[in-house]
């Protein structure tokens, strides 16, 4: 090696002596990993597990997909019981959520108009 550092804007470097290494074969990788004491990250056999499997996630509602022409999204923070009641009403009536929301707005508007009178 040279003691002199290669200049950035000087003549081109001769890289003809450099070549990529051939890719390692799987058996070579395995041998190096075993020699280093590497433990696999794969799942342990059921008999070797010391802790129980994680519990199944909470039950999810069925996804609702309807083509209605509605193209605005409304995200609300609501109490869990209010959301459950809204879904229950929509499900009981067979309404999509956008339709249930529109009906709720119409009912609230009617209620407010009757209060003004």
C-alpha atoms as a PDB file:
ATOM      1  CA  UNK A   1       0.000   0.000   0.000  1.00  0.00           C
ATOM      2  CA  UNK A   2       1.050   3.514  -0.628  1.00  0.00           C
ATOM      3  CA  UNK A   3       1.571   6.095   2.105  1.00  0.00           C
ATOM      4  CA  UNK A   4       0.088   8.710  -0.173  1.00  0.00           C
ATOM      5  CA  UNK A   5      -3.662   9.187  -0.229  1.00  0.00           C
ATOM      6  CA  UNK A   6      -5.320   9.131  -3.638  1.00  0.00           C
ATOM      7  CA  UNK A   7      -6.392  12.567  -4.812  1.00  0.00           C
ATOM      8  CA  UNK A   8     -10.025  13.181  -5.611  1.00  0.00           C
ATOM      9  CA  UNK A   9      -9.510  15.134  -8.831  1.00  0.00           C
ATOM     10  CA  UNK A  10      -6.259  13.683 -10.009  1.00  0.00           C
ATOM     11  CA  UNK A  11      -5.796  11.024 -12.630  1.00  0.00           C
ATOM     12  CA  UNK A  12      -8.047   7.971 -12.642  1.00  0.00           C
ATOM     13  CA  UNK A  13      -7.378   5.178 -10.191  1.00  0.00           C
ATOM     14  CA  UNK A  14      -6.371   1.788 -11.487  1.00  0.00           C
ATOM     15  CA  UNK A  15      -9.040  -0.600 -10.146  1.00  0.00           C
ATOM     16  CA  UNK A  16      -8.262  -3.433 -12.525  1.00  0.00           C
ATOM     17  CA  UNK A  17      -6.933  -5.545  -9.651  1.00  0.00           C
ATOM     18  CA  UNK A  18     -10.236  -5.468  -7.813  1.00  0.00           C
ATOM     19  CA  UNK A  19     -12.931  -8.087  -8.380  1.00  0.00           C
ATOM     20  CA  UNK A  20     -16.038  -9.027  -6.392  1.00  0.00           C
ATOM     21  CA  UNK A  21     -15.889 -12.076  -4.204  1.00  0.00           C
ATOM     22  CA  UNK A  22     -17.889 -15.040  -5.372  1.00  0.00           C
ATOM     23  CA  UNK A  23     -21.088 -15.464  -3.338  1.00  0.00           C
ATOM     24  CA  UNK A  24     -20.815 -17.729  -0.316  1.00  0.00           C
ATOM     25  CA  UNK A  25     -22.404 -21.158  -0.559  1.00  0.00           C
ATOM     26  CA  UNK A  26     -25.031 -22.034   2.088  1.00  0.00           C
ATOM     27  CA  UNK A  27     -22.846 -24.728   3.616  1.00  0.00           C
ATOM     28  CA  UNK A  28     -20.048 -22.169   4.086  1.00  0.00           C
ATOM     29  CA  UNK A  29     -22.431 -19.787   5.838  1.00  0.00           C
ATOM     30  CA  UNK A  30     -23.758 -22.573   8.068  1.00  0.00           C
ATOM     31  CA  UNK A  31     -20.236 -23.645   9.041  1.00  0.00           C
ATOM     32  CA  UNK A  32     -19.250 -20.099  10.010  1.00  0.00           C
ATOM     33  CA  UNK A  33     -22.481 -19.616  11.970  1.00  0.00           C
ATOM     34  CA  UNK A  34     -22.048 -22.880  13.884  1.00  0.00           C
ATOM     35  CA  UNK A  35     -18.426 -22.045  14.635  1.00  0.00           C
ATOM     36  CA  UNK A  36     -19.451 -18.655  16.029  1.00  0.00           C
ATOM     37  CA  UNK A  37     -22.187 -20.229  18.148  1.00  0.00           C
ATOM     38  CA  UNK A  38     -24.997 -18.444  16.310  1.00  0.00           C
ATOM     39  CA  UNK A  39     -28.480 -19.556  17.399  1.00  0.00           C
ATOM     40  CA  UNK A  40     -31.200 -19.718  14.787  1.00  0.00           C
ATOM     41  CA  UNK A  41     -34.034 -17.201  15.036  1.00  0.00           C
ATOM     42  CA  UNK A  42     -36.522 -19.711  13.726  1.00  0.00           C
ATOM     43  CA  UNK A  43     -39.333 -20.941  15.969  1.00  0.00           C
ATOM     44  CA  UNK A  44     -38.383 -23.524  18.552  1.00  0.00           C
ATOM     45  CA  UNK A  45     -40.041 -26.916  18.320  1.00  0.00           C
ATOM     46  CA  UNK A  46     -43.243 -27.124  20.391  1.00  0.00           C
ATOM     47  CA  UNK A  47     -41.591 -29.478  22.889  1.00  0.00           C
ATOM     48  CA  UNK A  48     -38.789 -26.966  23.565  1.00  0.00           C
ATOM     49  CA  UNK A  49     -41.035 -23.930  24.190  1.00  0.00           C
ATOM     50  CA  UNK A  50     -41.045 -22.707  27.755  1.00  0.00           C
ATOM     51  CA  UNK A  51     -43.698 -20.014  27.430  1.00  0.00           C
ATOM     52  CA  UNK A  52     -47.227 -20.332  26.072  1.00  0.00           C
ATOM     53  CA  UNK A  53     -48.078 -19.081  22.614  1.00  0.00           C
ATOM     54  CA  UNK A  54     -49.422 -15.520  22.497  1.00  0.00           C
ATOM     55  CA  UNK A  55     -53.182 -15.191  22.817  1.00  0.00           C
ATOM     56  CA  UNK A  56     -55.209 -14.684  19.662  1.00  0.00           C
ATOM     57  CA  UNK A  57     -55.898 -11.021  18.880  1.00  0.00           C
ATOM     58  CA  UNK A  58     -59.257  -9.567  19.871  1.00  0.00           C
ATOM     59  CA  UNK A  59     -62.106 -10.427  17.543  1.00  0.00           C
ATOM     60  CA  UNK A  60     -62.232  -8.041  14.603  1.00  0.00           C
ATOM     61  CA  UNK A  61     -65.348  -6.786  12.935  1.00  0.00           C
ATOM     62  CA  UNK A  62     -65.988  -7.841   9.373  1.00  0.00           C
ATOM     63  CA  UNK A  63     -64.761  -5.222   6.922  1.00  0.00           C
ATOM     64  CA  UNK A  64     -67.428  -3.135   5.259  1.00  0.00           C
ATOM     65  CA  UNK A  65     -66.936  -2.230   1.601  1.00  0.00           C
ATOM     66  CA  UNK A  66     -69.680  -0.563  -0.383  1.00  0.00           C
ATOM     67  CA  UNK A  67     -69.618   1.621  -3.494  1.00  0.00           C
ATOM     68  CA  UNK A  68     -71.935   4.498  -2.606  1.00  0.00           C
ATOM     69  CA  UNK A  69     -70.333   7.604  -4.103  1.00  0.00           C
ATOM     70  CA  UNK A  70     -69.266   8.815  -0.691  1.00  0.00           C
ATOM     71  CA  UNK A  71     -65.706  10.044  -0.907  1.00  0.00           C
ATOM     72  CA  UNK A  72     -65.064  11.940   2.317  1.00  0.00           C
ATOM     73  CA  UNK A  73     -63.577  10.327   5.371  1.00  0.00           C
ATOM     74  CA  UNK A  74     -64.555  11.348   8.898  1.00  0.00           C
ATOM     75  CA  UNK A  75     -62.407  10.163  11.801  1.00  0.00           C
ATOM     76  CA  UNK A  76     -63.855  10.639  15.258  1.00  0.00           C
ATOM     77  CA  UNK A  77     -62.653   9.859  18.751  1.00  0.00           C
ATOM     78  CA  UNK A  78     -65.649   8.402  20.541  1.00  0.00           C
ATOM     79  CA  UNK A  79     -66.298   6.329  23.627  1.00  0.00           C
ATOM     80  CA  UNK A  80     -66.254   2.576  23.087  1.00  0.00           C
ATOM     81  CA  UNK A  81     -69.896   2.201  24.094  1.00  0.00           C
ATOM     82  CA  UNK A  82     -70.989   4.909  21.634  1.00  0.00           C
ATOM     83  CA  UNK A  83     -69.102   3.246  18.791  1.00  0.00           C
ATOM     84  CA  UNK A  84     -70.592  -0.133  19.711  1.00  0.00           C
ATOM     85  CA  UNK A  85     -74.095   1.376  19.791  1.00  0.00           C
ATOM     86  CA  UNK A  86     -73.571   3.050  16.401  1.00  0.00           C
ATOM     87  CA  UNK A  87     -72.405  -0.217  14.846  1.00  0.00           C
ATOM     88  CA  UNK A  88     -75.267  -2.119  16.499  1.00  0.00           C
ATOM     89  CA  UNK A  89     -77.868   0.284  15.093  1.00  0.00           C
ATOM     90  CA  UNK A  90     -76.340   0.163  11.600  1.00  0.00           C
ATOM     91  CA  UNK A  91     -76.143  -3.638  11.691  1.00  0.00           C
ATOM     92  CA  UNK A  92     -79.688  -4.051  13.018  1.00  0.00           C
ATOM     93  CA  UNK A  93     -81.112  -1.830  10.283  1.00  0.00           C
ATOM     94  CA  UNK A  94     -78.875  -3.243   7.540  1.00  0.00           C
ATOM     95  CA  UNK A  95     -77.393   0.192   6.838  1.00  0.00           C
ATOM     96  CA  UNK A  96     -73.866   0.953   5.728  1.00  0.00           C
ATOM     97  CA  UNK A  97     -72.063   3.273   8.145  1.00  0.00           C
ATOM     98  CA  UNK A  98     -72.246   6.240   5.800  1.00  0.00           C
ATOM     99  CA  UNK A  99     -76.011   5.806   5.506  1.00  0.00           C
ATOM    100  CA  UNK A 100     -76.382   5.475   9.281  1.00  0.00           C
ATOM    101  CA  UNK A 101     -74.338   8.664   9.728  1.00  0.00           C
ATOM    102  CA  UNK A 102     -76.440  10.548   7.169  1.00  0.00           C
ATOM    103  CA  UNK A 103     -79.640   9.412   8.918  1.00  0.00           C
ATOM    104  CA  UNK A 104     -78.236  10.472  12.298  1.00  0.00           C
ATOM    105  CA  UNK A 105     -77.422  13.929  10.923  1.00  0.00           C
ATOM    106  CA  UNK A 106     -80.917  14.233   9.427  1.00  0.00           C
ATOM    107  CA  UNK A 107     -82.511  13.202  12.748  1.00  0.00           C
ATOM    108  CA  UNK A 108     -80.357  15.663  14.708  1.00  0.00           C
ATOM    109  CA  UNK A 109     -81.222  18.444  12.260  1.00  0.00           C
ATOM    110  CA  UNK A 110     -84.964  17.702  12.659  1.00  0.00           C
ATOM    111  CA  UNK A 111     -84.606  17.658  16.435  1.00  0.00           C
ATOM    112  CA  UNK A 112     -82.808  21.001  16.493  1.00  0.00           C
ATOM    113  CA  UNK A 113     -85.397  22.583  14.188  1.00  0.00           C
ATOM    114  CA  UNK A 114     -88.285  21.459  16.401  1.00  0.00           C
ATOM    115  CA  UNK A 115     -86.526  22.913  19.457  1.00  0.00           C
ATOM    116  CA  UNK A 116     -86.296  26.334  17.764  1.00  0.00           C
ATOM    117  CA  UNK A 117     -90.070  26.493  17.264  1.00  0.00           C
END
